[in-house]
Amino acid sequence: QLRKEADDLGPRVELDYWKKKLSKFCYLMEQLKSPDVKAV
């Protein structure tokens, strides 16, 4: 999805956005490597 943000946000917001995204996808990657997923 397209990001919708206010125009008055600074560059720290950009870093925070990508850190949250990284956290989500790292969690998903961990789940994909789990024994249950490998069994399925």
Full PDB file with SEQRES, HELIX, SHEET, SSBOND, CRYST1, ORIGX, SCALE, CONECT and MASTER records, all heavy atoms in Angstrom:
SEQRES   1 A   40  GLN LEU ARG LYS GLU ALA ASP ASP LEU GLY PRO ARG VAL          
SEQRES   2 A   40  GLU LEU ASP TYR TRP LYS LYS LYS LEU SER LYS PHE CYS          
SEQRES   3 A   40  TYR LEU MET GLU GLN LEU LYS SER PRO ASP VAL LYS ALA          
SEQRES   4 A   40  VAL                                                          
HELIX    1 AA1 PRO A   11  LEU A   32  1                                  22    
HELIX    2 AA2 PRO A   35  ALA A   39  1                                   5    
CRYST1    1.000    1.000    1.000  90.00  90.00  90.00 P 1           1          
ORIGX1      1.000000  0.000000  0.000000        0.00000                         
ORIGX2      0.000000  1.000000  0.000000        0.00000                         
ORIGX3      0.000000  0.000000  1.000000        0.00000                         
SCALE1      1.000000  0.000000  0.000000        0.00000                         
SCALE2      0.000000  1.000000  0.000000        0.00000                         
SCALE3      0.000000  0.000000  1.000000        0.00000                         
ATOM      1  N   GLN A   1       0.828  -1.205   0.000  1.00  0.00           N  
ATOM      2  CA  GLN A   1       0.000   0.000   0.000  1.00  0.00           C  
ATOM      3  C   GLN A   1       0.864   1.257   0.000  1.00  0.00           C  
ATOM      4  O   GLN A   1       1.992   1.263   0.501  1.00  0.00           O  
ATOM      5  CB  GLN A   1      -0.905   0.020   1.230  1.00  0.00           C  
ATOM      6  CG  GLN A   1      -1.984  -1.028   1.204  1.00  0.00           C  
ATOM      7  CD  GLN A   1      -2.817  -1.020   2.477  1.00  0.00           C  
ATOM      8  OE1 GLN A   1      -2.480  -0.372   3.456  1.00  0.00           O  
ATOM      9  NE2 GLN A   1      -3.904  -1.758   2.451  1.00  0.00           N  
ATOM     10  N   LEU A   2       0.312   2.321  -0.544  1.00  0.00           N  
ATOM     11  CA  LEU A   2       0.985   3.602  -0.520  1.00  0.00           C  
ATOM     12  C   LEU A   2       0.997   4.150   0.897  1.00  0.00           C  
ATOM     13  O   LEU A   2       0.022   4.005   1.638  1.00  0.00           O  
ATOM     14  CB  LEU A   2       0.275   4.609  -1.426  1.00  0.00           C  
ATOM     15  CG  LEU A   2       0.503   4.456  -2.915  1.00  0.00           C  
ATOM     16  CD1 LEU A   2      -0.390   5.425  -3.673  1.00  0.00           C  
ATOM     17  CD2 LEU A   2       1.959   4.696  -3.263  1.00  0.00           C  
ATOM     18  N   ARG A   3       2.089   4.799   1.267  1.00  0.00           N  
ATOM     19  CA  ARG A   3       2.183   5.419   2.583  1.00  0.00           C  
ATOM     20  C   ARG A   3       1.519   6.785   2.557  1.00  0.00           C  
ATOM     21  O   ARG A   3       1.670   7.535   1.601  1.00  0.00           O  
ATOM     22  CB  ARG A   3       3.642   5.604   2.974  1.00  0.00           C  
ATOM     23  CG  ARG A   3       4.304   4.335   3.390  1.00  0.00           C  
ATOM     24  CD  ARG A   3       5.797   4.506   3.542  1.00  0.00           C  
ATOM     25  NE  ARG A   3       6.182   5.481   4.536  1.00  0.00           N  
ATOM     26  CZ  ARG A   3       7.433   5.886   4.700  1.00  0.00           C  
ATOM     27  NH1 ARG A   3       8.394   5.412   3.947  1.00  0.00           N  
ATOM     28  NH2 ARG A   3       7.729   6.781   5.618  1.00  0.00           N  
ATOM     29  N   LYS A   4       0.796   7.070   3.618  1.00  0.00           N  
ATOM     30  CA  LYS A   4       0.200   8.390   3.762  1.00  0.00           C  
ATOM     31  C   LYS A   4       0.753   8.992   5.041  1.00  0.00           C  
ATOM     32  O   LYS A   4       0.594   8.423   6.117  1.00  0.00           O  
ATOM     33  CB  LYS A   4      -1.325   8.295   3.824  1.00  0.00           C  
ATOM     34  CG  LYS A   4      -1.928   7.815   2.526  1.00  0.00           C  
ATOM     35  CD  LYS A   4      -3.423   7.669   2.609  1.00  0.00           C  
ATOM     36  CE  LYS A   4      -3.950   7.071   1.304  1.00  0.00           C  
ATOM     37  NZ  LYS A   4      -5.336   6.721   1.366  1.00  0.00           N  
ATOM     38  N   GLU A   5       1.429  10.128   4.902  1.00  0.00           N  
ATOM     39  CA  GLU A   5       2.051  10.774   6.044  1.00  0.00           C  
ATOM     40  C   GLU A   5       1.790  12.276   6.002  1.00  0.00           C  
ATOM     41  O   GLU A   5       1.559  12.839   4.942  1.00  0.00           O  
ATOM     42  CB  GLU A   5       3.575  10.558   6.022  1.00  0.00           C  
ATOM     43  CG  GLU A   5       3.996   9.124   6.092  1.00  0.00           C  
ATOM     44  CD  GLU A   5       5.494   8.966   5.914  1.00  0.00           C  
ATOM     45  OE1 GLU A   5       6.085   9.652   5.076  1.00  0.00           O  
ATOM     46  OE2 GLU A   5       6.048   8.140   6.633  1.00  0.00           O  
ATOM     47  N   ALA A   6       1.919  12.876   7.160  1.00  0.00           N  
ATOM     48  CA  ALA A   6       1.816  14.328   7.231  1.00  0.00           C  
ATOM     49  C   ALA A   6       3.059  14.939   6.597  1.00  0.00           C  
ATOM     50  O   ALA A   6       4.123  14.315   6.555  1.00  0.00           O  
ATOM     51  CB  ALA A   6       1.695  14.764   8.689  1.00  0.00           C  
ATOM     52  N   ASP A   7       2.931  16.153   6.099  1.00  0.00           N  
ATOM     53  CA  ASP A   7       4.044  16.813   5.418  1.00  0.00           C  
ATOM     54  C   ASP A   7       5.077  17.405   6.372  1.00  0.00           C  
ATOM     55  O   ASP A   7       6.138  17.833   5.935  1.00  0.00           O  
ATOM     56  CB  ASP A   7       3.521  17.936   4.517  1.00  0.00           C  
ATOM     57  CG  ASP A   7       2.785  17.383   3.311  1.00  0.00           C  
ATOM     58  OD1 ASP A   7       3.059  16.238   2.917  1.00  0.00           O  
ATOM     59  OD2 ASP A   7       1.938  18.120   2.772  1.00  0.00           O  
ATOM     60  N   ASP A   8       4.774  17.447   7.664  1.00  0.00           N  
ATOM     61  CA  ASP A   8       5.676  18.111   8.603  1.00  0.00           C  
ATOM     62  C   ASP A   8       6.520  17.141   9.429  1.00  0.00           C  
ATOM     63  O   ASP A   8       7.059  17.495  10.461  1.00  0.00           O  
ATOM     64  CB  ASP A   8       4.878  19.034   9.525  1.00  0.00           C  
ATOM     65  CG  ASP A   8       3.830  18.285  10.337  1.00  0.00           C  
ATOM     66  OD1 ASP A   8       3.569  17.104  10.051  1.00  0.00           O  
ATOM     67  OD2 ASP A   8       3.267  18.903  11.261  1.00  0.00           O  
ATOM     68  N   LEU A   9       6.669  15.905   8.967  1.00  0.00           N  
ATOM     69  CA  LEU A   9       7.458  14.913   9.689  1.00  0.00           C  
ATOM     70  C   LEU A   9       8.921  15.000   9.277  1.00  0.00           C  
ATOM     71  O   LEU A   9       9.240  15.273   8.134  1.00  0.00           O  
ATOM     72  CB  LEU A   9       6.924  13.507   9.389  1.00  0.00           C  
ATOM     73  CG  LEU A   9       5.455  13.259   9.750  1.00  0.00           C  
ATOM     74  CD1 LEU A   9       5.029  11.880   9.285  1.00  0.00           C  
ATOM     75  CD2 LEU A   9       5.241  13.416  11.237  1.00  0.00           C  
ATOM     76  N   GLY A  10       9.808  14.723  10.239  1.00  0.00           N  
ATOM     77  CA  GLY A  10      11.238  14.786   9.962  1.00  0.00           C  
ATOM     78  C   GLY A  10      11.804  13.446   9.522  1.00  0.00           C  
ATOM     79  O   GLY A  10      11.097  12.427   9.448  1.00  0.00           O  
ATOM     80  N   PRO A  11      13.116  13.406   9.248  1.00  0.00           N  
ATOM     81  CA  PRO A  11      13.755  12.190   8.743  1.00  0.00           C  
ATOM     82  C   PRO A  11      13.795  11.026   9.746  1.00  0.00           C  
ATOM     83  O   PRO A  11      13.900   9.873   9.344  1.00  0.00           O  
ATOM     84  CB  PRO A  11      15.163  12.646   8.370  1.00  0.00           C  
ATOM     85  CG  PRO A  11      15.362  13.949   9.034  1.00  0.00           C  
ATOM     86  CD  PRO A  11      14.022  14.533   9.279  1.00  0.00           C  
ATOM     87  N   ARG A  12      13.692  11.309  11.035  1.00  0.00           N  
ATOM     88  CA  ARG A  12      13.652  10.214  12.026  1.00  0.00           C  
ATOM     89  C   ARG A  12      12.433   9.321  11.809  1.00  0.00           C  
ATOM     90  O   ARG A  12      12.474   8.128  12.064  1.00  0.00           O  
ATOM     91  CB  ARG A  12      13.642  10.766  13.443  1.00  0.00           C  
ATOM     92  CG  ARG A  12      14.975  11.230  13.909  1.00  0.00           C  
ATOM     93  CD  ARG A  12      14.953  11.637  15.354  1.00  0.00           C  
ATOM     94  NE  ARG A  12      16.268  12.128  15.724  1.00  0.00           N  
ATOM     95  CZ  ARG A  12      16.480  13.002  16.679  1.00  0.00           C  
ATOM     96  NH1 ARG A  12      15.468  13.483  17.378  1.00  0.00           N  
ATOM     97  NH2 ARG A  12      17.702  13.406  16.963  1.00  0.00           N  
ATOM     98  N   VAL A  13      11.351   9.920  11.352  1.00  0.00           N  
ATOM     99  CA  VAL A  13      10.123   9.168  11.099  1.00  0.00           C  
ATOM    100  C   VAL A  13      10.370   8.117  10.014  1.00  0.00           C  
ATOM    101  O   VAL A  13       9.859   7.002  10.084  1.00  0.00           O  
ATOM    102  CB  VAL A  13       8.973  10.122  10.697  1.00  0.00           C  
ATOM    103  CG1 VAL A  13       7.754   9.373  10.221  1.00  0.00           C  
ATOM    104  CG2 VAL A  13       8.624  11.022  11.862  1.00  0.00           C  
ATOM    105  N   GLU A  14      11.169   8.472   9.024  1.00  0.00           N  
ATOM    106  CA  GLU A  14      11.497   7.541   7.942  1.00  0.00           C  
ATOM    107  C   GLU A  14      12.268   6.335   8.497  1.00  0.00           C  
ATOM    108  O   GLU A  14      11.964   5.186   8.176  1.00  0.00           O  
ATOM    109  CB  GLU A  14      12.305   8.256   6.861  1.00  0.00           C  
ATOM    110  CG  GLU A  14      12.548   7.451   5.633  1.00  0.00           C  
ATOM    111  CD  GLU A  14      11.322   7.265   4.751  1.00  0.00           C  
ATOM    112  OE1 GLU A  14      10.248   7.826   5.044  1.00  0.00           O  
ATOM    113  OE2 GLU A  14      11.448   6.544   3.751  1.00  0.00           O  
ATOM    114  N   LEU A  15      13.246   6.600   9.338  1.00  0.00           N  
ATOM    115  CA  LEU A  15      14.019   5.516   9.947  1.00  0.00           C  
ATOM    116  C   LEU A  15      13.123   4.650  10.824  1.00  0.00           C  
ATOM    117  O   LEU A  15      13.177   3.420  10.753  1.00  0.00           O  
ATOM    118  CB  LEU A  15      15.186   6.079  10.757  1.00  0.00           C  
ATOM    119  CG  LEU A  15      16.040   5.069  11.521  1.00  0.00           C  
ATOM    120  CD1 LEU A  15      16.653   4.031  10.581  1.00  0.00           C  
ATOM    121  CD2 LEU A  15      17.121   5.783  12.319  1.00  0.00           C  
ATOM    122  N   ASP A  16      12.267   5.272  11.623  1.00  0.00           N  
ATOM    123  CA  ASP A  16      11.349   4.510  12.482  1.00  0.00           C  
ATOM    124  C   ASP A  16      10.412   3.630  11.664  1.00  0.00           C  
ATOM    125  O   ASP A  16      10.138   2.486  12.031  1.00  0.00           O  
ATOM    126  CB  ASP A  16      10.523   5.450  13.372  1.00  0.00           C  
ATOM    127  CG  ASP A  16      11.373   6.120  14.442  1.00  0.00           C  
ATOM    128  OD1 ASP A  16      12.477   5.621  14.732  1.00  0.00           O  
ATOM    129  OD2 ASP A  16      10.932   7.146  14.979  1.00  0.00           O  
ATOM    130  N   TYR A  17       9.921   4.151  10.551  1.00  0.00           N  
ATOM    131  CA  TYR A  17       9.035   3.388   9.676  1.00  0.00           C  
ATOM    132  C   TYR A  17       9.723   2.116   9.187  1.00  0.00           C  
ATOM    133  O   TYR A  17       9.159   1.027   9.244  1.00  0.00           O  
ATOM    134  CB  TYR A  17       8.608   4.268   8.486  1.00  0.00           C  
ATOM    135  CG  TYR A  17       7.891   3.503   7.397  1.00  0.00           C  
ATOM    136  CD1 TYR A  17       6.539   3.194   7.504  1.00  0.00           C  
ATOM    137  CD2 TYR A  17       8.576   3.074   6.267  1.00  0.00           C  
ATOM    138  CE1 TYR A  17       5.882   2.490   6.508  1.00  0.00           C  
ATOM    139  CE2 TYR A  17       7.928   2.371   5.264  1.00  0.00           C  
ATOM    140  CZ  TYR A  17       6.586   2.077   5.392  1.00  0.00           C  
ATOM    141  OH  TYR A  17       5.949   1.363   4.406  1.00  0.00           O  
ATOM    142  N   TRP A  18      10.959   2.259   8.704  1.00  0.00           N  
ATOM    143  CA  TRP A  18      11.670   1.097   8.163  1.00  0.00           C  
ATOM    144  C   TRP A  18      12.119   0.139   9.265  1.00  0.00           C  
ATOM    145  O   TRP A  18      12.193  -1.073   9.045  1.00  0.00           O  
ATOM    146  CB  TRP A  18      12.841   1.547   7.285  1.00  0.00           C  
ATOM    147  CG  TRP A  18      12.337   2.075   5.979  1.00  0.00           C  
ATOM    148  CD1 TRP A  18      12.262   3.377   5.584  1.00  0.00           C  
ATOM    149  CD2 TRP A  18      11.785   1.310   4.909  1.00  0.00           C  
ATOM    150  NE1 TRP A  18      11.698   3.467   4.334  1.00  0.00           N  
ATOM    151  CE2 TRP A  18      11.408   2.217   3.892  1.00  0.00           C  
ATOM    152  CE3 TRP A  18      11.571  -0.052   4.700  1.00  0.00           C  
ATOM    153  CZ2 TRP A  18      10.827   1.794   2.694  1.00  0.00           C  
ATOM    154  CZ3 TRP A  18      11.002  -0.466   3.500  1.00  0.00           C  
ATOM    155  CH2 TRP A  18      10.646   0.440   2.521  1.00  0.00           C  
ATOM    156  N   LYS A  19      12.397   0.657  10.459  1.00  0.00           N  
ATOM    157  CA  LYS A  19      12.744  -0.228  11.572  1.00  0.00           C  
ATOM    158  C   LYS A  19      11.548  -1.098  11.962  1.00  0.00           C  
ATOM    159  O   LYS A  19      11.699  -2.296  12.227  1.00  0.00           O  
ATOM    160  CB  LYS A  19      13.228   0.588  12.775  1.00  0.00           C  
ATOM    161  CG  LYS A  19      14.645   1.079  12.604  1.00  0.00           C  
ATOM    162  CD  LYS A  19      15.169   2.024  13.656  1.00  0.00           C  
ATOM    163  CE  LYS A  19      14.631   2.005  15.015  1.00  0.00           C  
ATOM    164  NZ  LYS A  19      15.219   3.001  15.923  1.00  0.00           N  
ATOM    165  N   LYS A  20      10.361  -0.512  11.985  1.00  0.00           N  
ATOM    166  CA  LYS A  20       9.155  -1.287  12.292  1.00  0.00           C  
ATOM    167  C   LYS A  20       8.900  -2.333  11.219  1.00  0.00           C  
ATOM    168  O   LYS A  20       8.538  -3.476  11.511  1.00  0.00           O  
ATOM    169  CB  LYS A  20       7.937  -0.361  12.422  1.00  0.00           C  
ATOM    170  CG  LYS A  20       7.932   0.457  13.686  1.00  0.00           C  
ATOM    171  CD  LYS A  20       6.762   1.421  13.715  1.00  0.00           C  
ATOM    172  CE  LYS A  20       6.901   2.365  14.885  1.00  0.00           C  
ATOM    173  NZ  LYS A  20       5.948   3.461  14.839  1.00  0.00           N  
ATOM    174  N   LYS A  21       9.086  -1.945   9.973  1.00  0.00           N  
ATOM    175  CA  LYS A  21       8.905  -2.876   8.866  1.00  0.00           C  
ATOM    176  C   LYS A  21       9.908  -4.022   8.958  1.00  0.00           C  
ATOM    177  O   LYS A  21       9.563  -5.186   8.749  1.00  0.00           O  
ATOM    178  CB  LYS A  21       9.095  -2.116   7.552  1.00  0.00           C  
ATOM    179  CG  LYS A  21       8.206  -2.564   6.455  1.00  0.00           C  
ATOM    180  CD  LYS A  21       8.330  -1.612   5.279  1.00  0.00           C  
ATOM    181  CE  LYS A  21       7.230  -1.922   4.342  1.00  0.00           C  
ATOM    182  NZ  LYS A  21       7.235  -1.142   3.144  1.00  0.00           N  
ATOM    183  N   LEU A  22      11.149  -3.696   9.262  1.00  0.00           N  
ATOM    184  CA  LEU A  22      12.190  -4.715   9.411  1.00  0.00           C  
ATOM    185  C   LEU A  22      11.831  -5.688  10.525  1.00  0.00           C  
ATOM    186  O   LEU A  22      11.970  -6.904  10.364  1.00  0.00           O  
ATOM    187  CB  LEU A  22      13.540  -4.054   9.686  1.00  0.00           C  
ATOM    188  CG  LEU A  22      14.722  -4.999   9.914  1.00  0.00           C  
ATOM    189  CD1 LEU A  22      14.958  -5.885   8.696  1.00  0.00           C  
ATOM    190  CD2 LEU A  22      15.974  -4.199  10.264  1.00  0.00           C  
ATOM    191  N   SER A  23      11.330  -5.174  11.612  1.00  0.00           N  
ATOM    192  CA  SER A  23      10.934  -6.023  12.735  1.00  0.00           C  
ATOM    193  C   SER A  23       9.830  -7.001  12.324  1.00  0.00           C  
ATOM    194  O   SER A  23       9.895  -8.195  12.633  1.00  0.00           O  
ATOM    195  CB  SER A  23      10.459  -5.143  13.890  1.00  0.00           C  
ATOM    196  OG  SER A  23      10.007  -5.923  14.953  1.00  0.00           O  
ATOM    197  N   LYS A  24       8.830  -6.511  11.613  1.00  0.00           N  
ATOM    198  CA  LYS A  24       7.735  -7.374  11.155  1.00  0.00           C  
ATOM    199  C   LYS A  24       8.242  -8.490  10.246  1.00  0.00           C  
ATOM    200  O   LYS A  24       7.881  -9.651  10.399  1.00  0.00           O  
ATOM    201  CB  LYS A  24       6.684  -6.565  10.377  1.00  0.00           C  
ATOM    202  CG  LYS A  24       5.759  -5.765  11.207  1.00  0.00           C  
ATOM    203  CD  LYS A  24       4.778  -5.036  10.303  1.00  0.00           C  
ATOM    204  CE  LYS A  24       3.909  -4.087  11.083  1.00  0.00           C  
ATOM    205  NZ  LYS A  24       2.967  -3.356  10.225  1.00  0.00           N  
ATOM    206  N   PHE A  25       9.072  -8.108   9.284  1.00  0.00           N  
ATOM    207  CA  PHE A  25       9.526  -9.100   8.314  1.00  0.00           C  
ATOM    208  C   PHE A  25      10.560 -10.056   8.899  1.00  0.00           C  
ATOM    209  O   PHE A  25      10.613 -11.219   8.500  1.00  0.00           O  
ATOM    210  CB  PHE A  25      10.009  -8.426   7.028  1.00  0.00           C  
ATOM    211  CG  PHE A  25       8.864  -7.991   6.164  1.00  0.00           C  
ATOM    212  CD1 PHE A  25       8.506  -6.661   6.076  1.00  0.00           C  
ATOM    213  CD2 PHE A  25       8.111  -8.923   5.473  1.00  0.00           C  
ATOM    214  CE1 PHE A  25       7.426  -6.262   5.291  1.00  0.00           C  
ATOM    215  CE2 PHE A  25       7.020  -8.541   4.689  1.00  0.00           C  
ATOM    216  CZ  PHE A  25       6.687  -7.207   4.604  1.00  0.00           C  
ATOM    217  N   CYS A  26      11.358  -9.598   9.846  1.00  0.00           N  
ATOM    218  CA  CYS A  26      12.284 -10.525  10.523  1.00  0.00           C  
ATOM    219  C   CYS A  26      11.497 -11.559  11.326  1.00  0.00           C  
ATOM    220  O   CYS A  26      11.849 -12.738  11.345  1.00  0.00           O  
ATOM    221  CB  CYS A  26      13.248  -9.760  11.423  1.00  0.00           C  
ATOM    222  SG  CYS A  26      14.590  -8.978  10.517  1.00  0.00           S  
ATOM    223  N   TYR A  27      10.419 -11.112  11.966  1.00  0.00           N  
ATOM    224  CA  TYR A  27       9.564 -12.049  12.699  1.00  0.00           C  
ATOM    225  C   TYR A  27       8.966 -13.080  11.733  1.00  0.00           C  
ATOM    226  O   TYR A  27       8.944 -14.278  12.020  1.00  0.00           O  
ATOM    227  CB  TYR A  27       8.464 -11.298  13.439  1.00  0.00           C  
ATOM    228  CG  TYR A  27       7.501 -12.210  14.142  1.00  0.00           C  
ATOM    229  CD1 TYR A  27       7.868 -12.846  15.317  1.00  0.00           C  
ATOM    230  CD2 TYR A  27       6.236 -12.460  13.623  1.00  0.00           C  
ATOM    231  CE1 TYR A  27       6.987 -13.705  15.966  1.00  0.00           C  
ATOM    232  CE2 TYR A  27       5.360 -13.318  14.254  1.00  0.00           C  
ATOM    233  CZ  TYR A  27       5.738 -13.928  15.428  1.00  0.00           C  
ATOM    234  OH  TYR A  27       4.875 -14.786  16.056  1.00  0.00           O  
ATOM    235  N   LEU A  28       8.476 -12.611  10.602  1.00  0.00           N  
ATOM    236  CA  LEU A  28       7.923 -13.536   9.597  1.00  0.00           C  
ATOM    237  C   LEU A  28       8.983 -14.518   9.108  1.00  0.00           C  
ATOM    238  O   LEU A  28       8.705 -15.708   8.946  1.00  0.00           O  
ATOM    239  CB  LEU A  28       7.380 -12.759   8.401  1.00  0.00           C  
ATOM    240  CG  LEU A  28       5.953 -12.281   8.475  1.00  0.00           C  
ATOM    241  CD1 LEU A  28       5.603 -11.470   7.235  1.00  0.00           C  
ATOM    242  CD2 LEU A  28       4.985 -13.413   8.634  1.00  0.00           C  
ATOM    243  N   MET A  29      10.194 -14.027   8.874  1.00  0.00           N  
ATOM    244  CA  MET A  29      11.267 -14.903   8.410  1.00  0.00           C  
ATOM    245  C   MET A  29      11.584 -15.980   9.453  1.00  0.00           C  
ATOM    246  O   MET A  29      11.826 -17.132   9.104  1.00  0.00           O  
ATOM    247  CB  MET A  29      12.529 -14.090   8.098  1.00  0.00           C  
ATOM    248  CG  MET A  29      12.377 -13.092   6.975  1.00  0.00           C  
ATOM    249  SD  MET A  29      12.223 -13.826   5.350  1.00  0.00           S  
ATOM    250  CE  MET A  29      13.872 -14.416   5.125  1.00  0.00           C  
ATOM    251  N   GLU A  30      11.564 -15.590  10.730  1.00  0.00           N  
ATOM    252  CA  GLU A  30      11.772 -16.576  11.805  1.00  0.00           C  
ATOM    253  C   GLU A  30      10.682 -17.639  11.775  1.00  0.00           C  
ATOM    254  O   GLU A  30      10.950 -18.826  11.935  1.00  0.00           O  
ATOM    255  CB  GLU A  30      11.766 -15.888  13.176  1.00  0.00           C  
ATOM    256  CG  GLU A  30      13.038 -15.189  13.530  1.00  0.00           C  
ATOM    257  CD  GLU A  30      12.929 -14.507  14.880  1.00  0.00           C  
ATOM    258  OE1 GLU A  30      12.259 -15.053  15.794  1.00  0.00           O  
ATOM    259  OE2 GLU A  30      13.513 -13.419  15.039  1.00  0.00           O  
ATOM    260  N   GLN A  31       9.455 -17.204  11.586  1.00  0.00           N  
ATOM    261  CA  GLN A  31       8.335 -18.149  11.542  1.00  0.00           C  
ATOM    262  C   GLN A  31       8.467 -19.106  10.362  1.00  0.00           C  
ATOM    263  O   GLN A  31       8.152 -20.290  10.476  1.00  0.00           O  
ATOM    264  CB  GLN A  31       7.000 -17.395  11.465  1.00  0.00           C  
ATOM    265  CG  GLN A  31       6.693 -16.556  12.681  1.00  0.00           C  
ATOM    266  CD  GLN A  31       6.696 -17.362  13.959  1.00  0.00           C  
ATOM    267  OE1 GLN A  31       6.054 -18.384  14.052  1.00  0.00           O  
ATOM    268  NE2 GLN A  31       7.470 -16.911  14.936  1.00  0.00           N  
ATOM    269  N   LEU A  32       8.933 -18.611   9.240  1.00  0.00           N  
ATOM    270  CA  LEU A  32       9.090 -19.449   8.054  1.00  0.00           C  
ATOM    271  C   LEU A  32      10.139 -20.541   8.257  1.00  0.00           C  
ATOM    272  O   LEU A  32      10.097 -21.571   7.595  1.00  0.00           O  
ATOM    273  CB  LEU A  32       9.468 -18.598   6.838  1.00  0.00           C  
ATOM    274  CG  LEU A  32       8.388 -17.663   6.321  1.00  0.00           C  
ATOM    275  CD1 LEU A  32       8.942 -16.786   5.208  1.00  0.00           C  
ATOM    276  CD2 LEU A  32       7.178 -18.434   5.829  1.00  0.00           C  
ATOM    277  N   LYS A  33      11.060 -20.302   9.177  1.00  0.00           N  
ATOM    278  CA  LYS A  33      12.119 -21.281   9.450  1.00  0.00           C  
ATOM    279  C   LYS A  33      11.767 -22.229  10.591  1.00  0.00           C  
ATOM    280  O   LYS A  33      12.560 -23.094  10.941  1.00  0.00           O  
ATOM    281  CB  LYS A  33      13.422 -20.545   9.768  1.00  0.00           C  
ATOM    282  CG  LYS A  33      13.961 -19.753   8.599  1.00  0.00           C  
ATOM    283  CD  LYS A  33      15.178 -18.947   8.988  1.00  0.00           C  
ATOM    284  CE  LYS A  33      15.637 -18.059   7.835  1.00  0.00           C  
ATOM    285  NZ  LYS A  33      16.678 -17.135   8.215  1.00  0.00           N  
ATOM    286  N   SER A  34      10.584 -22.066  11.154  1.00  0.00           N  
ATOM    287  CA  SER A  34      10.202 -22.882  12.309  1.00  0.00           C  
ATOM    288  C   SER A  34       9.974 -24.344  11.904  1.00  0.00           C  
ATOM    289  O   SER A  34       9.637 -24.643  10.750  1.00  0.00           O  
ATOM    290  CB  SER A  34       8.935 -22.323  12.969  1.00  0.00           C  
ATOM    291  OG  SER A  34       7.814 -22.590  12.155  1.00  0.00           O  
ATOM    292  N   PRO A  35      10.139 -25.272  12.849  1.00  0.00           N  
ATOM    293  CA  PRO A  35       9.922 -26.699  12.557  1.00  0.00           C  
ATOM    294  C   PRO A  35       8.503 -26.996  12.062  1.00  0.00           C  
ATOM    295  O   PRO A  35       8.324 -27.861  11.193  1.00  0.00           O  
ATOM    296  CB  PRO A  35      10.190 -27.389  13.889  1.00  0.00           C  
ATOM    297  CG  PRO A  35      11.032 -26.438  14.662  1.00  0.00           C  
ATOM    298  CD  PRO A  35      10.646 -25.065  14.194  1.00  0.00           C  
ATOM    299  N   ASP A  36       7.519 -26.295  12.596  1.00  0.00           N  
ATOM    300  CA  ASP A  36       6.129 -26.527  12.169  1.00  0.00           C  
ATOM    301  C   ASP A  36       5.942 -26.190  10.690  1.00  0.00           C  
ATOM    302  O   ASP A  36       5.309 -26.940   9.947  1.00  0.00           O  
ATOM    303  CB  ASP A  36       5.155 -25.687  13.009  1.00  0.00           C  
ATOM    304  CG  ASP A  36       5.065 -26.162  14.452  1.00  0.00           C  
ATOM    305  OD1 ASP A  36       5.472 -27.310  14.733  1.00  0.00           O  
ATOM    306  OD2 ASP A  36       4.580 -25.376  15.287  1.00  0.00           O  
ATOM    307  N   VAL A  37       6.491 -25.061  10.270  1.00  0.00           N  
ATOM    308  CA  VAL A  37       6.361 -24.661   8.870  1.00  0.00           C  
ATOM    309  C   VAL A  37       7.126 -25.631   7.975  1.00  0.00           C  
ATOM    310  O   VAL A  37       6.633 -26.030   6.916  1.00  0.00           O  
ATOM    311  CB  VAL A  37       6.842 -23.203   8.665  1.00  0.00           C  
ATOM    312  CG1 VAL A  37       6.923 -22.854   7.192  1.00  0.00           C  
ATOM    313  CG2 VAL A  37       5.921 -22.229   9.386  1.00  0.00           C  
ATOM    314  N   LYS A  38       8.302 -26.034   8.411  1.00  0.00           N  
ATOM    315  CA  LYS A  38       9.078 -26.994   7.624  1.00  0.00           C  
ATOM    316  C   LYS A  38       8.341 -28.323   7.481  1.00  0.00           C  
ATOM    317  O   LYS A  38       8.373 -28.954   6.424  1.00  0.00           O  
ATOM    318  CB  LYS A  38      10.452 -27.197   8.245  1.00  0.00           C  
ATOM    319  CG  LYS A  38      11.370 -26.011   8.021  1.00  0.00           C  
ATOM    320  CD  LYS A  38      12.748 -26.246   8.577  1.00  0.00           C  
ATOM    321  CE  LYS A  38      13.610 -25.028   8.297  1.00  0.00           C  
ATOM    322  NZ  LYS A  38      14.981 -25.195   8.733  1.00  0.00           N  
ATOM    323  N   ALA A  39       7.637 -28.726   8.544  1.00  0.00           N  
ATOM    324  CA  ALA A  39       6.866 -29.975   8.485  1.00  0.00           C  
ATOM    325  C   ALA A  39       5.717 -29.853   7.480  1.00  0.00           C  
ATOM    326  O   ALA A  39       5.478 -30.768   6.685  1.00  0.00           O  
ATOM    327  CB  ALA A  39       6.330 -30.320   9.874  1.00  0.00           C  
ATOM    328  N   VAL A  40       5.029 -28.733   7.515  1.00  0.00           N  
ATOM    329  CA  VAL A  40       3.926 -28.511   6.574  1.00  0.00           C  
ATOM    330  C   VAL A  40       4.456 -28.503   5.143  1.00  0.00           C  
ATOM    331  O   VAL A  40       3.861 -29.100   4.238  1.00  0.00           O  
ATOM    332  CB  VAL A  40       3.176 -27.200   6.900  1.00  0.00           C  
ATOM    333  CG1 VAL A  40       2.211 -26.822   5.787  1.00  0.00           C  
ATOM    334  CG2 VAL A  40       2.443 -27.315   8.227  1.00  0.00           C  
TER     335      VAL A  40                                                      
MASTER        0    0    0    2    0    0    0    6  334    1    0    4          
END                                                                             
